């Protein structure tokens, strides 16, 4: 609880930052970013701005370590103090857990905007974002309480060791783009999305902190919030691939691009960069005036980035290194010498030989023994041949009888053949996606990664609010299915799974597909047998009912009716 983790600080490094007295504006419209904020955290590379507002500059409250807010939140360590507000590592004494707290005077020019941003962010409730836990005004002070993640690591810290592997960079941009697309659908923007605001948890999940709140604290607004956040995601991917910041100023511990060469593609900055990810970064950064890489259309919203990522070939994790076992060492020894004393050097060893049968009686005895052996061998061979022939006849009779009685008794059933999944896409029949971008976790061979549904207050059935949720899988070519097996995270009453044969990875509607099987389970494994034989390339795994379970800290899933799929396996 007392340890400090820079990964849990919600306001990024403030080195070189100038005080701001801007009034925050709610960023929900789309236009052009203006008034860039000049600091190492959010300089013109971030392309978001702050505008000066009227009113006197508020003085920060007199706070110190040990001070309590609401007789509950004990301030432990100040991690940021800037422009009239401060950020603290604190302890929630009621729940006995570490939290982060932003504090500013109630008469601060941005106090109202900070409260509004914090409450809007809290209503989103998306576990991909660091959650706002409380937003209160009392005793002339406004404070915002948020999660503290001691096990998470900032992207800027990860990049000090070098660029990310292609699979890690792919997961980062996929999860961040999907999360920001969901936020913009709810009218929320970040506007300070930088390597200090993106964290990787110990589970491997990427999380974003400071949604709307960081911009409100610093008075940043934008007429084009979607374009601003999209370009920021492009800059994050560029940095992850090259370990360079794609602008003319150093920032976040990263070196800038060489002067006077403009914005060049990541695969021209560093050898070995994945070409598809390099093009994706340029398509997002095109908002700043760069030329679209290789004539691809630019991405101007997080939703377009999510679509572009879905069209890319899936990047698989690197194969684990195999260490060859040591070569077999052949041992040498002398047969028959164990336990015998070694002969003295130079000593002659006597060789004992049995006396030969040289007499007439001995020769007669040898001939008699030889004749008996020949006779015994002949008799044994005849008996063996007779027994084998008799057994063969009985076996033939048995086979003929079995064939006559029932010709299908000895037919060997074919073994199930595993079918490899080539791709997956979440199918949305009504409402919003559940966990878009995480479909590959259900067939990556890692049972500890999941695609999960949202948590619902009513259940187990999704109806009448939703017909169901699920994923369409691409099997590569038309295959004849027999079963589908799902590894589930939550047990209980109940999970219902249906299989549909689809005509594409993005079918038009549920009615356009054919249901080929269904199963219900209360455990953590569901096996769906195909009851209607069909050959299809695309299969929809459709959940229509899910069990109720409590808060899942590993997946950051709220309590309620929900389900998560670890691995999906098809057999033909």
Protein backbone atom coordinates (compact mmCIF):
# COMPACT_ATOMS: atom_id res chain seq x y z
CA UNK A 1 0.00 0.00 0.00
CA UNK A 2 2.91 2.36 0.80
CA UNK A 3 4.90 1.62 -2.37
CA UNK A 4 4.94 4.27 -5.07
CA UNK A 5 4.22 3.17 -8.61
CA UNK A 6 4.69 5.68 -11.41
CA UNK A 7 2.38 3.54 -13.49
CA UNK A 8 -0.50 4.45 -11.23
CA UNK A 9 -0.13 8.22 -11.42
CA UNK A 10 -3.01 9.59 -13.42
CA UNK A 11 -1.37 12.86 -14.46
CA UNK A 12 1.70 12.42 -16.64
CA UNK A 13 5.20 13.81 -16.07
CA UNK A 14 5.09 17.58 -15.87
CA UNK A 15 8.72 18.44 -16.54
CA UNK A 16 8.98 21.74 -18.40
CA UNK A 17 5.23 22.38 -18.28
CA UNK A 18 4.00 25.96 -18.14
CA UNK A 19 1.10 26.84 -15.79
CA UNK A 20 -2.27 27.06 -17.49
CA UNK A 21 -5.35 28.99 -16.52
CA UNK A 22 -7.51 27.76 -19.36
CA UNK A 23 -11.13 26.86 -18.99
CA UNK A 24 -11.85 23.28 -20.11
CA UNK A 25 -14.49 22.71 -22.75
CA UNK A 26 -16.39 19.53 -23.31
CA UNK A 27 -14.95 17.78 -26.41
CA UNK A 28 -17.70 16.02 -28.24
CA UNK A 29 -17.74 17.70 -31.64
CA UNK A 30 -15.41 17.11 -34.59
CA UNK A 31 -13.24 19.87 -36.13
CA UNK A 32 -9.57 21.01 -36.03
CA UNK A 33 -7.34 21.03 -32.94
CA UNK A 34 -6.08 24.44 -31.88
CA UNK A 35 -3.75 26.25 -29.46
CA UNK A 36 -1.16 23.50 -28.88
CA UNK A 37 -0.02 23.20 -25.30
CA UNK A 38 3.81 23.49 -25.13
CA UNK A 39 5.32 21.05 -22.66
CA UNK A 40 7.12 17.72 -22.69
CA UNK A 41 3.89 15.90 -22.03
CA UNK A 42 1.57 17.55 -24.45
CA UNK A 43 3.51 19.66 -26.92
CA UNK A 44 2.59 20.09 -30.54
CA UNK A 45 3.20 16.35 -30.98
CA UNK A 46 -0.03 15.77 -29.12
CA UNK A 47 -1.88 18.39 -31.23
CA UNK A 48 -4.28 19.34 -28.45
CA UNK A 49 -4.63 22.84 -27.08
CA UNK A 50 -5.58 25.00 -24.13
CA UNK A 51 -7.31 28.34 -24.30
CA UNK A 52 -6.93 31.04 -21.69
CA UNK A 53 -10.10 31.87 -19.80
CA UNK A 54 -11.07 34.86 -17.68
CA UNK A 55 -10.94 34.93 -13.92
CA UNK A 56 -8.27 35.03 -11.26
CA UNK A 57 -5.81 32.18 -10.86
CA UNK A 58 -6.86 29.98 -7.98
CA UNK A 59 -4.28 29.12 -5.33
CA UNK A 60 -3.85 25.42 -4.50
CA UNK A 61 -5.26 24.21 -1.20
CA UNK A 62 -2.84 23.80 1.66
CA UNK A 63 -2.49 20.03 1.70
CA UNK A 64 0.13 17.75 3.22
CA UNK A 65 0.83 14.07 3.75
CA UNK A 66 -1.60 12.66 6.29
CA UNK A 67 -4.41 15.08 5.37
CA UNK A 68 -7.81 13.36 5.04
CA UNK A 69 -10.53 14.13 2.56
CA UNK A 70 -14.11 13.22 3.54
CA UNK A 71 -12.61 11.50 6.63
CA UNK A 72 -11.75 8.66 4.31
CA UNK A 73 -9.00 9.39 1.78
CA UNK A 74 -5.63 9.86 3.51
CA UNK A 75 -3.09 11.64 1.31
CA UNK A 76 0.27 9.88 1.29
CA UNK A 77 2.53 11.37 -1.38
CA UNK A 78 2.23 14.27 -3.82
CA UNK A 79 3.16 13.13 -7.32
CA UNK A 80 2.16 16.23 -9.35
CA UNK A 81 1.72 19.88 -8.37
CA UNK A 82 0.89 22.21 -11.27
CA UNK A 83 -1.25 25.21 -12.18
CA UNK A 84 -3.38 25.23 -9.07
CA UNK A 85 -4.07 21.50 -8.81
CA UNK A 86 -2.16 18.62 -7.28
CA UNK A 87 -2.25 14.84 -7.67
CA UNK A 88 -1.63 12.43 -4.80
CA UNK A 89 -1.14 8.80 -3.98
CA UNK A 90 -3.63 8.15 -1.19
CA UNK A 91 -5.23 5.41 0.89
CA UNK A 92 -8.96 4.71 1.03
CA UNK A 93 -9.20 3.88 4.74
CA UNK A 94 -12.75 2.59 4.37
CA UNK A 95 -11.90 -0.08 1.77
CA UNK A 96 -8.20 -0.32 2.71
CA UNK A 97 -6.84 0.12 -0.79
CA UNK A 98 -4.53 2.53 -2.60
CA UNK A 99 -6.15 5.20 -4.76
CA UNK A 100 -5.09 8.30 -6.69
CA UNK A 101 -6.58 11.73 -5.96
CA UNK A 102 -6.61 15.01 -7.93
CA UNK A 103 -7.30 18.08 -5.77
CA UNK A 104 -8.00 21.69 -6.78
CA UNK A 105 -9.79 24.66 -5.20
CA UNK A 106 -13.53 24.88 -5.76
CA UNK A 107 -13.10 28.40 -7.18
CA UNK A 108 -10.51 27.28 -9.73
CA UNK A 109 -11.43 28.34 -13.27
CA UNK A 110 -11.52 24.67 -14.35
CA UNK A 111 -13.16 23.11 -11.28
CA UNK A 112 -16.60 22.77 -12.91
CA UNK A 113 -15.10 21.23 -16.05
CA UNK A 114 -13.05 18.73 -14.03
CA UNK A 115 -16.11 17.61 -12.08
CA UNK A 116 -18.16 17.21 -15.26
CA UNK A 117 -15.40 15.28 -17.01
CA UNK A 118 -14.85 12.97 -14.03
CA UNK A 119 -18.55 12.16 -13.67
CA UNK A 120 -18.92 11.50 -17.42
CA UNK A 121 -15.89 9.22 -17.37
CA UNK A 122 -17.23 7.34 -14.34
CA UNK A 123 -20.53 6.70 -16.13
CA UNK A 124 -18.70 4.99 -19.01
CA UNK A 125 -17.60 2.15 -16.70
CA UNK A 126 -15.33 0.58 -19.35
CA UNK A 127 -12.65 -1.58 -17.65
CA UNK A 128 -10.15 -0.70 -20.39
CA UNK A 129 -9.89 2.74 -18.74
CA UNK A 130 -8.55 3.54 -15.27
CA UNK A 131 -11.81 4.03 -13.42
CA UNK A 132 -12.97 7.20 -11.69
CA UNK A 133 -14.23 6.14 -8.25
CA UNK A 134 -15.50 9.43 -6.84
CA UNK A 135 -15.86 13.11 -7.79
CA UNK A 136 -16.83 15.47 -4.95
CA UNK A 137 -16.93 19.16 -4.05
CA UNK A 138 -16.80 19.93 -0.32
CA UNK A 139 -15.17 22.44 2.00
CA UNK A 140 -14.11 24.69 -0.91
CA UNK A 141 -12.19 21.80 -2.48
CA UNK A 142 -12.89 19.69 -5.55
CA UNK A 143 -11.30 16.26 -5.64
CA UNK A 144 -11.44 13.32 -8.05
CA UNK A 145 -10.60 9.81 -6.82
CA UNK A 146 -9.42 7.16 -9.31
CA UNK A 147 -7.94 3.68 -9.37
CA UNK A 148 -4.29 3.12 -8.44
CA UNK A 149 -2.58 0.35 -10.42
CA UNK A 150 0.69 -0.63 -8.71
CA UNK A 151 1.28 -3.58 -11.07
CA UNK A 152 0.90 -1.61 -14.32
CA UNK A 153 3.79 -0.23 -16.41
CA UNK A 154 3.66 2.87 -18.60
CA UNK A 155 4.37 2.52 -22.30
CA UNK A 156 7.12 5.14 -21.94
CA UNK A 157 8.85 2.90 -19.37
CA UNK A 158 8.49 -0.18 -21.55
CA UNK A 159 10.12 1.65 -24.47
CA UNK A 160 13.26 2.43 -22.47
CA UNK A 161 14.28 -1.18 -23.11
CA UNK A 162 13.73 -0.94 -26.88
CA UNK A 163 10.86 -1.12 -29.38
CA UNK A 164 7.99 -3.53 -28.75
CA UNK A 165 7.76 -6.85 -30.54
CA UNK A 166 5.29 -6.78 -33.47
CA UNK A 167 2.73 -8.88 -31.57
CA UNK A 168 2.89 -6.58 -28.50
CA UNK A 169 2.59 -3.46 -30.68
CA UNK A 170 -0.37 -5.04 -32.50
CA UNK A 171 -2.13 -5.83 -29.22
CA UNK A 172 -1.46 -2.32 -27.90
CA UNK A 173 -2.85 -0.44 -30.90
CA UNK A 174 -5.77 -2.86 -31.23
CA UNK A 175 -6.88 -2.53 -27.61
CA UNK A 176 -6.30 1.22 -27.36
CA UNK A 177 -8.14 1.92 -30.64
CA UNK A 178 -11.08 -0.26 -29.61
CA UNK A 179 -11.30 1.43 -26.21
CA UNK A 180 -11.17 4.95 -27.66
CA UNK A 181 -13.78 4.06 -30.28
CA UNK A 182 -16.12 3.00 -27.46
CA UNK A 183 -15.40 6.22 -25.55
CA UNK A 184 -16.14 8.44 -28.57
CA UNK A 185 -19.42 6.63 -29.15
CA UNK A 186 -20.39 7.91 -25.69
CA UNK A 187 -19.20 11.45 -26.51
CA UNK A 188 -15.96 11.26 -24.49
CA UNK A 189 -12.49 12.21 -25.75
CA UNK A 190 -9.05 11.92 -24.15
CA UNK A 191 -6.98 14.68 -25.86
CA UNK A 192 -3.84 13.77 -23.85
CA UNK A 193 -3.26 10.25 -25.12
CA UNK A 194 0.51 9.79 -24.83
CA UNK A 195 3.00 7.08 -23.71
CA UNK A 196 2.50 8.11 -20.07
CA UNK A 197 -1.26 7.61 -20.31
CA UNK A 198 -1.15 4.05 -21.70
CA UNK A 199 -0.39 1.23 -19.25
CA UNK A 200 0.19 -2.48 -19.57
CA UNK A 201 -1.17 -4.50 -16.65
CA UNK A 202 0.46 -7.68 -15.34
CA UNK A 203 -2.26 -9.67 -17.14
CA UNK A 204 -1.09 -8.24 -20.48
CA UNK A 205 -4.16 -6.03 -20.90
CA UNK A 206 -3.57 -2.43 -22.00
CA UNK A 207 -5.40 0.27 -20.05
CA UNK A 208 -5.83 4.04 -20.56
CA UNK A 209 -5.84 6.56 -17.76
CA UNK A 210 -7.09 10.12 -17.58
CA UNK A 211 -10.01 9.87 -20.02
CA UNK A 212 -11.47 13.41 -20.25
CA UNK A 213 -10.12 14.27 -16.76
CA UNK A 214 -6.48 14.97 -17.72
CA UNK A 215 -7.56 17.35 -20.47
CA UNK A 216 -10.02 19.11 -18.15
CA UNK A 217 -7.34 19.55 -15.46
CA UNK A 218 -5.08 21.32 -17.97
CA UNK A 219 -7.77 23.24 -19.84
CA UNK A 220 -7.30 21.41 -23.15
CA UNK A 221 -10.02 21.36 -25.76
CA UNK A 222 -10.28 20.43 -29.44
CA UNK A 223 -12.74 21.05 -32.23
CA UNK A 224 -11.80 17.64 -33.70
CA UNK A 225 -11.48 15.28 -30.72
CA UNK A 226 -11.73 12.12 -32.82
CA UNK A 227 -8.95 13.23 -35.17
CA UNK A 228 -6.82 14.38 -32.22
CA UNK A 229 -7.11 11.03 -30.43
CA UNK A 230 -6.59 9.08 -33.67
CA UNK A 231 -3.35 10.89 -34.42
CA UNK A 232 -2.26 10.30 -30.83
CA UNK A 233 -2.82 6.54 -31.29
CA UNK A 234 -0.74 6.71 -34.47
CA UNK A 235 2.07 8.41 -32.53
CA UNK A 236 1.88 5.69 -29.85
CA UNK A 237 2.20 2.96 -32.50
CA UNK A 238 5.04 4.84 -34.22
CA UNK A 239 6.94 5.07 -30.91
CA UNK A 240 6.28 1.40 -30.11
CA UNK A 241 7.73 0.32 -33.46
CA UNK A 242 10.75 2.63 -33.63
CA UNK A 243 11.51 3.86 -30.08
CA UNK A 244 11.36 7.37 -31.61
CA UNK A 245 8.84 10.19 -31.16
CA UNK A 246 7.42 11.11 -34.59
CA UNK A 247 7.87 14.87 -34.18
CA UNK A 248 10.71 17.38 -34.03
CA UNK A 249 10.99 17.57 -30.23
CA UNK A 250 12.14 14.91 -27.78
CA UNK A 251 9.37 13.74 -25.44
CA UNK A 252 8.54 10.98 -22.92
CA UNK A 253 12.18 9.82 -22.85
CA UNK A 254 12.15 9.25 -26.63
CA UNK A 255 14.36 10.91 -29.22
CA UNK A 256 12.65 12.89 -31.95
CA UNK A 257 13.01 12.33 -35.68
CA UNK A 258 16.01 13.93 -37.42
CA UNK A 259 15.46 17.56 -38.32
CA UNK A 260 14.26 18.68 -41.78
CA UNK A 261 13.33 15.22 -43.08
CA UNK A 262 9.64 15.32 -42.28
CA UNK A 263 7.52 12.41 -41.16
CA UNK A 264 8.89 9.17 -42.62
CA UNK A 265 7.43 5.69 -42.27
CA UNK A 266 8.57 3.56 -39.30
CA UNK A 267 10.07 0.89 -41.59
CA UNK A 268 12.34 3.63 -43.00
CA UNK A 269 13.48 4.64 -39.52
CA UNK A 270 14.37 1.19 -38.28
CA UNK A 271 15.06 -2.11 -40.03
CA UNK A 272 12.79 -5.08 -39.37
CA UNK A 273 9.63 -3.11 -38.60
CA UNK A 274 6.41 -4.94 -39.48
CA UNK A 275 5.22 -3.40 -42.75
CA UNK A 276 1.49 -3.63 -42.01
CA UNK A 277 1.90 -1.87 -38.63
CA UNK A 278 4.15 0.73 -40.24
CA UNK A 279 1.45 1.57 -42.78
CA UNK A 280 -1.20 1.68 -40.05
CA UNK A 281 0.84 4.23 -38.04
CA UNK A 282 1.18 6.45 -41.12
CA UNK A 283 -2.53 6.22 -41.90
CA UNK A 284 -3.31 7.54 -38.41
CA UNK A 285 -0.60 10.23 -38.47
CA UNK A 286 -1.84 11.55 -41.82
CA UNK A 287 -4.01 13.95 -39.81
CA UNK A 288 -0.93 16.09 -39.22
CA UNK A 289 -0.40 16.67 -42.93
CA UNK A 290 1.73 13.62 -43.78
CA UNK A 291 1.24 11.83 -47.09
CA UNK A 292 -0.81 8.65 -46.78
CA UNK A 293 1.60 5.73 -46.73
CA UNK A 294 1.63 3.81 -50.01
CA UNK A 295 -1.60 5.54 -51.12
CA UNK A 296 -3.75 3.92 -48.40
CA UNK A 297 -6.73 5.93 -47.22
CA UNK A 298 -6.06 7.84 -43.96
CA UNK A 299 -7.77 6.91 -40.70
CA UNK A 300 -9.36 9.94 -39.06
CA UNK A 301 -11.37 8.29 -36.25
CA UNK A 302 -10.66 5.48 -33.78
CA UNK A 303 -13.53 3.53 -35.37
CA UNK A 304 -11.73 3.63 -38.73
CA UNK A 305 -8.55 2.45 -37.03
CA UNK A 306 -10.41 -0.52 -35.52
CA UNK A 307 -11.73 -1.42 -38.99
CA UNK A 308 -8.25 -1.11 -40.54
CA UNK A 309 -6.76 -3.36 -37.85
CA UNK A 310 -9.49 -5.94 -38.46
CA UNK A 311 -8.57 -6.04 -42.15
CA UNK A 312 -4.91 -6.78 -41.39
CA UNK A 313 -3.58 -10.36 -41.26
CA UNK A 314 -3.42 -11.45 -37.64
CA UNK A 315 0.02 -11.10 -36.05
CA UNK A 316 0.75 -14.16 -33.95
CA UNK A 317 2.94 -14.16 -30.82
CA UNK A 318 6.53 -15.35 -31.32
CA UNK A 319 7.17 -19.05 -30.95
CA UNK A 320 8.83 -19.98 -27.63
CA UNK A 321 12.55 -20.63 -27.95
CA UNK A 322 13.41 -24.34 -27.96
CA UNK A 323 16.57 -25.43 -26.19
CA UNK A 324 18.00 -28.68 -27.52
CA UNK A 325 18.79 -31.29 -24.83
CA UNK A 326 22.46 -32.16 -24.33
CA UNK A 327 23.84 -34.88 -26.55
CA UNK A 328 23.65 -38.44 -25.22
CA UNK A 329 26.93 -39.44 -23.61
CA UNK A 330 27.73 -43.06 -24.34
CA UNK A 331 29.33 -44.88 -21.43
CA UNK A 332 31.97 -47.54 -21.95
CA UNK A 333 32.62 -50.50 -19.71
CA UNK A 334 34.02 -54.02 -19.95
CA UNK A 335 31.37 -56.66 -19.92
CA UNK A 336 31.74 -59.29 -17.21
CA UNK A 337 34.40 -57.48 -15.17
CA UNK A 338 32.16 -55.98 -12.48
CA UNK A 339 33.19 -57.20 -9.02
CA UNK A 340 36.26 -59.04 -10.25
CA UNK A 341 39.75 -58.08 -9.13
CA UNK A 342 41.82 -56.51 -11.87
CA UNK A 343 44.68 -58.70 -13.04
CA UNK A 344 48.21 -57.70 -12.12
CA UNK A 345 50.19 -56.23 -14.98
CA UNK A 346 52.21 -58.85 -16.72
CA UNK A 347 50.43 -61.80 -15.07
CA UNK A 348 49.33 -64.63 -17.36
CA UNK A 349 45.69 -65.58 -16.96
CA UNK A 350 44.96 -69.34 -17.22
CA UNK A 351 42.17 -70.33 -19.66
CA UNK A 352 40.11 -73.30 -18.45
CA UNK A 353 38.60 -75.47 -21.26
CA UNK A 354 36.32 -78.48 -20.86
CA UNK A 355 37.93 -81.79 -21.82
CA UNK A 356 36.76 -83.01 -25.25
CA UNK A 357 34.81 -86.29 -25.68
CA UNK A 358 37.47 -88.14 -27.59
CA UNK A 359 36.60 -91.75 -26.60
CA UNK A 360 34.27 -94.12 -28.57
CA UNK A 361 31.63 -93.83 -25.87
CA UNK A 362 31.84 -90.03 -26.03
CA UNK A 363 31.36 -89.97 -29.83
CA UNK A 364 28.30 -92.28 -29.57
CA UNK A 365 26.81 -90.02 -26.89
CA UNK A 366 27.24 -86.94 -29.12
CA UNK A 367 25.42 -88.62 -32.04
CA UNK A 368 22.56 -89.73 -29.79
CA UNK A 369 22.06 -86.23 -28.38
CA UNK A 370 22.09 -84.74 -31.90
CA UNK A 371 19.44 -87.21 -33.13
CA UNK A 372 17.18 -86.44 -30.17
CA UNK A 373 17.46 -82.69 -30.80
CA UNK A 374 16.54 -83.08 -34.50
CA UNK A 375 13.53 -85.22 -33.64
CA UNK A 376 12.35 -82.78 -31.00
CA UNK A 377 12.64 -79.86 -33.41
CA UNK A 378 10.69 -81.65 -36.11
CA UNK A 379 7.86 -82.63 -33.75
CA UNK A 380 7.64 -79.10 -32.31
CA UNK A 381 7.47 -77.51 -35.75
CA UNK A 382 4.67 -79.83 -36.85
CA UNK A 383 2.60 -79.09 -33.73
CA UNK A 384 3.14 -75.34 -34.10
CA UNK A 385 2.06 -75.35 -37.75
CA UNK A 386 -1.05 -77.39 -36.94
CA UNK A 387 -2.05 -74.98 -34.13
CA UNK A 388 -1.61 -71.95 -36.36
CA UNK A 389 -3.70 -73.42 -39.18
CA UNK A 390 -6.48 -74.31 -36.74
CA UNK A 391 -6.50 -70.78 -35.29
CA UNK A 392 -6.60 -69.26 -38.76
CA UNK A 393 -9.64 -71.34 -39.70
CA UNK A 394 -11.44 -70.29 -36.50
CA UNK A 395 -10.66 -66.65 -37.16
CA UNK A 396 -12.02 -66.89 -40.70
CA UNK A 397 -15.21 -68.54 -39.41
CA UNK A 398 -15.62 -65.79 -36.82
CA UNK A 399 -15.17 -63.02 -39.40
CA UNK A 400 -17.63 -64.68 -41.75
CA UNK A 401 -20.13 -65.03 -38.93
CA UNK A 402 -19.73 -61.38 -37.92
CA UNK A 403 -20.13 -60.25 -41.50
CA UNK A 404 -23.23 -62.39 -41.92
CA UNK A 405 -24.79 -61.38 -38.59
CA UNK A 406 -24.13 -57.64 -38.80
CA UNK A 407 -21.95 -56.08 -41.44
CA UNK A 408 -21.39 -52.80 -39.52
CA UNK A 409 -20.27 -54.18 -36.13
CA UNK A 410 -16.54 -53.82 -36.80
CA UNK A 411 -16.70 -50.57 -38.74
CA UNK A 412 -14.14 -48.08 -37.25
CA UNK A 413 -15.59 -44.65 -36.76
CA UNK A 414 -13.40 -41.80 -38.09
CA UNK A 415 -11.60 -39.76 -35.46
CA UNK A 416 -12.57 -36.09 -35.02
CA UNK A 417 -10.32 -33.80 -37.04
CA UNK A 418 -9.41 -30.40 -35.50
CA UNK A 419 -10.29 -27.41 -37.69
CA UNK A 420 -7.96 -24.42 -37.49
CA UNK A 421 -9.52 -20.98 -37.08
CA UNK A 422 -8.11 -18.38 -39.48
CA UNK A 423 -9.88 -15.22 -38.31
CA UNK A 424 -12.68 -13.93 -36.09
CA UNK A 425 -15.00 -10.90 -36.02
CA UNK A 426 -17.52 -9.91 -33.35
CA UNK A 427 -21.10 -9.97 -34.65
CA UNK A 428 -23.37 -7.19 -33.37
CA UNK A 429 -27.05 -7.87 -33.96
CA UNK A 430 -28.28 -4.98 -31.79
CA UNK A 431 -26.65 -2.21 -29.76
CA UNK A 432 -22.89 -1.80 -29.14
CA UNK A 433 -20.02 -4.31 -29.49
CA UNK A 434 -19.01 -6.28 -26.42
CA UNK A 435 -15.21 -6.54 -26.71
CA UNK A 436 -14.27 -5.69 -30.28
CA UNK A 437 -10.61 -6.33 -31.06
CA UNK A 438 -10.21 -9.19 -28.57
CA UNK A 439 -11.68 -11.93 -30.82
CA UNK A 440 -8.22 -13.43 -31.51
CA UNK A 441 -7.84 -14.25 -27.81
CA UNK A 442 -10.35 -17.08 -28.29
CA UNK A 443 -8.10 -18.99 -30.68
CA UNK A 444 -4.54 -17.91 -29.82
CA UNK A 445 -3.76 -21.14 -27.94
CA UNK A 446 -3.53 -19.27 -24.61
CA UNK A 447 -6.36 -20.26 -22.25
CA UNK A 448 -5.53 -17.33 -19.93
CA UNK A 449 -6.68 -14.67 -22.43
CA UNK A 450 -10.36 -13.95 -22.96
CA UNK A 451 -12.97 -12.22 -25.10
CA UNK A 452 -15.61 -11.06 -22.65
CA UNK A 453 -19.13 -9.71 -22.70
CA UNK A 454 -20.29 -6.64 -20.83
CA UNK A 455 -21.92 -7.03 -17.42
CA UNK A 456 -25.72 -6.78 -17.30
CA UNK A 457 -28.08 -6.17 -14.41
CA UNK A 458 -30.67 -8.69 -15.63
CA UNK A 459 -30.35 -12.23 -16.94
CA UNK A 460 -29.44 -14.97 -17.60
CA UNK A 461 -31.14 -14.37 -20.97
CA UNK A 462 -30.13 -11.30 -22.98
CA UNK A 463 -33.67 -11.03 -24.40
CA UNK A 464 -35.55 -8.79 -24.90
CA UNK A 465 -32.75 -6.20 -24.79
CA UNK A 466 -30.43 -8.15 -27.09
CA UNK A 467 -30.93 -11.30 -29.18
CA UNK A 468 -27.45 -12.38 -28.10
CA UNK A 469 -23.71 -11.71 -28.46
CA UNK A 470 -20.96 -13.66 -30.17
CA UNK A 471 -18.17 -14.05 -32.73
CA UNK A 472 -18.12 -15.19 -36.37
CA UNK A 473 -15.12 -17.43 -37.17
CA UNK A 474 -13.44 -17.95 -40.54
CA UNK A 475 -12.31 -21.57 -41.02
CA UNK A 476 -10.35 -20.78 -44.20
CA UNK A 477 -12.54 -22.88 -46.51
CA UNK A 478 -15.81 -24.79 -46.41
CA UNK A 479 -15.58 -27.53 -43.77
CA UNK A 480 -17.98 -30.14 -42.43
CA UNK A 481 -18.46 -29.48 -38.70
CA UNK A 482 -19.27 -31.98 -35.99
CA UNK A 483 -18.69 -30.16 -32.68
CA UNK A 484 -17.61 -26.85 -31.15
CA UNK A 485 -16.00 -26.75 -27.69
CA UNK A 486 -15.83 -23.53 -25.62
CA UNK A 487 -13.67 -22.88 -22.56
CA UNK A 488 -15.68 -20.46 -20.38
CA UNK A 489 -14.55 -18.35 -17.42
CA UNK A 490 -17.72 -18.25 -15.35
CA UNK A 491 -19.93 -21.13 -14.24
CA UNK A 492 -23.42 -20.98 -12.80
CA UNK A 493 -27.00 -20.82 -13.97
CA UNK A 494 -26.60 -20.66 -16.98
CA UNK A 495 -24.75 -20.36 -20.31
CA UNK A 496 -26.58 -21.10 -23.58
CA UNK A 497 -24.55 -21.39 -26.80
CA UNK A 498 -25.90 -21.64 -30.35
CA UNK A 499 -24.05 -22.35 -33.61
CA UNK A 500 -24.99 -20.74 -36.91
CA UNK A 501 -23.63 -21.31 -40.42
CA UNK A 502 -22.91 -17.88 -41.92
CA UNK A 503 -22.19 -16.71 -45.45
CA UNK A 504 -19.36 -14.30 -44.57
CA UNK A 505 -17.29 -12.93 -41.70
CA UNK A 506 -19.73 -10.01 -41.47
CA UNK A 507 -23.22 -11.46 -42.07
CA UNK A 508 -26.11 -9.08 -42.66
CA UNK A 509 -28.35 -10.32 -39.85
CA UNK A 510 -29.10 -13.27 -37.59
CA UNK A 511 -32.01 -14.25 -39.85
CA UNK A 512 -29.63 -14.67 -42.80
CA UNK A 513 -27.84 -17.55 -41.02
CA UNK A 514 -28.81 -21.19 -40.38
CA UNK A 515 -28.79 -22.56 -36.84
CA UNK A 516 -26.97 -25.89 -36.75
CA UNK A 517 -26.66 -26.67 -33.03
CA UNK A 518 -27.29 -25.53 -29.46
CA UNK A 519 -26.19 -26.45 -25.92
CA UNK A 520 -26.71 -25.22 -22.36
CA UNK A 521 -24.26 -25.65 -19.47
CA UNK A 522 -23.80 -24.54 -15.88
CA UNK A 523 -20.07 -25.32 -15.89
CA UNK A 524 -17.03 -23.71 -17.50
CA UNK A 525 -17.01 -25.90 -20.62
CA UNK A 526 -19.66 -26.01 -23.34
CA UNK A 527 -19.73 -28.64 -26.11
CA UNK A 528 -22.13 -27.95 -28.96
CA UNK A 529 -22.86 -30.87 -31.31
CA UNK A 530 -23.92 -30.07 -34.85
CA UNK A 531 -27.40 -31.54 -35.36
CA UNK A 532 -27.86 -30.28 -38.89
CA UNK A 533 -24.99 -31.48 -41.15
CA UNK A 534 -23.63 -28.66 -43.26
CA UNK A 535 -20.39 -27.53 -44.90
CA UNK A 536 -19.51 -23.93 -44.18
CA UNK A 537 -16.51 -21.62 -44.05
CA UNK A 538 -17.99 -19.21 -41.50
CA UNK A 539 -19.47 -20.19 -38.12
CA UNK A 540 -21.18 -17.92 -35.58
CA UNK A 541 -20.75 -18.85 -31.90
CA UNK A 542 -23.75 -17.11 -30.32
CA UNK A 543 -24.40 -16.64 -26.57
CA UNK A 544 -28.04 -16.10 -25.67
CA UNK A 545 -27.80 -16.56 -21.89
CA UNK A 546 -24.97 -15.99 -19.38
CA UNK A 547 -24.59 -16.65 -15.62
CA UNK A 548 -24.28 -14.11 -12.84
CA UNK A 549 -20.90 -13.64 -11.15
CA UNK A 550 -19.11 -11.11 -8.98
CA UNK A 551 -16.43 -8.55 -9.78
CA UNK A 552 -13.50 -10.06 -11.73
CA UNK A 553 -10.31 -8.14 -10.90
CA UNK A 554 -8.24 -10.07 -13.45
CA UNK A 555 -10.44 -9.03 -16.38
CA UNK A 556 -11.67 -5.79 -14.77
CA UNK A 557 -15.23 -7.01 -15.26
CA UNK A 558 -18.02 -5.60 -13.10
CA UNK A 559 -20.42 -7.82 -11.15
CA UNK A 560 -23.50 -8.94 -13.04
CA UNK A 561 -24.64 -11.35 -15.73
CA UNK A 562 -21.63 -11.87 -17.97
CA UNK A 563 -19.41 -14.49 -19.63
CA UNK A 564 -15.90 -14.70 -21.08
CA UNK A 565 -14.59 -17.16 -23.68
CA UNK A 566 -11.02 -18.42 -23.39
CA UNK A 567 -10.59 -20.86 -26.29
CA UNK A 568 -12.93 -22.07 -29.05
CA UNK A 569 -12.13 -25.34 -30.84
CA UNK A 570 -13.95 -26.82 -33.84
CA UNK A 571 -13.76 -30.44 -35.03
CA UNK A 572 -15.00 -31.99 -38.24
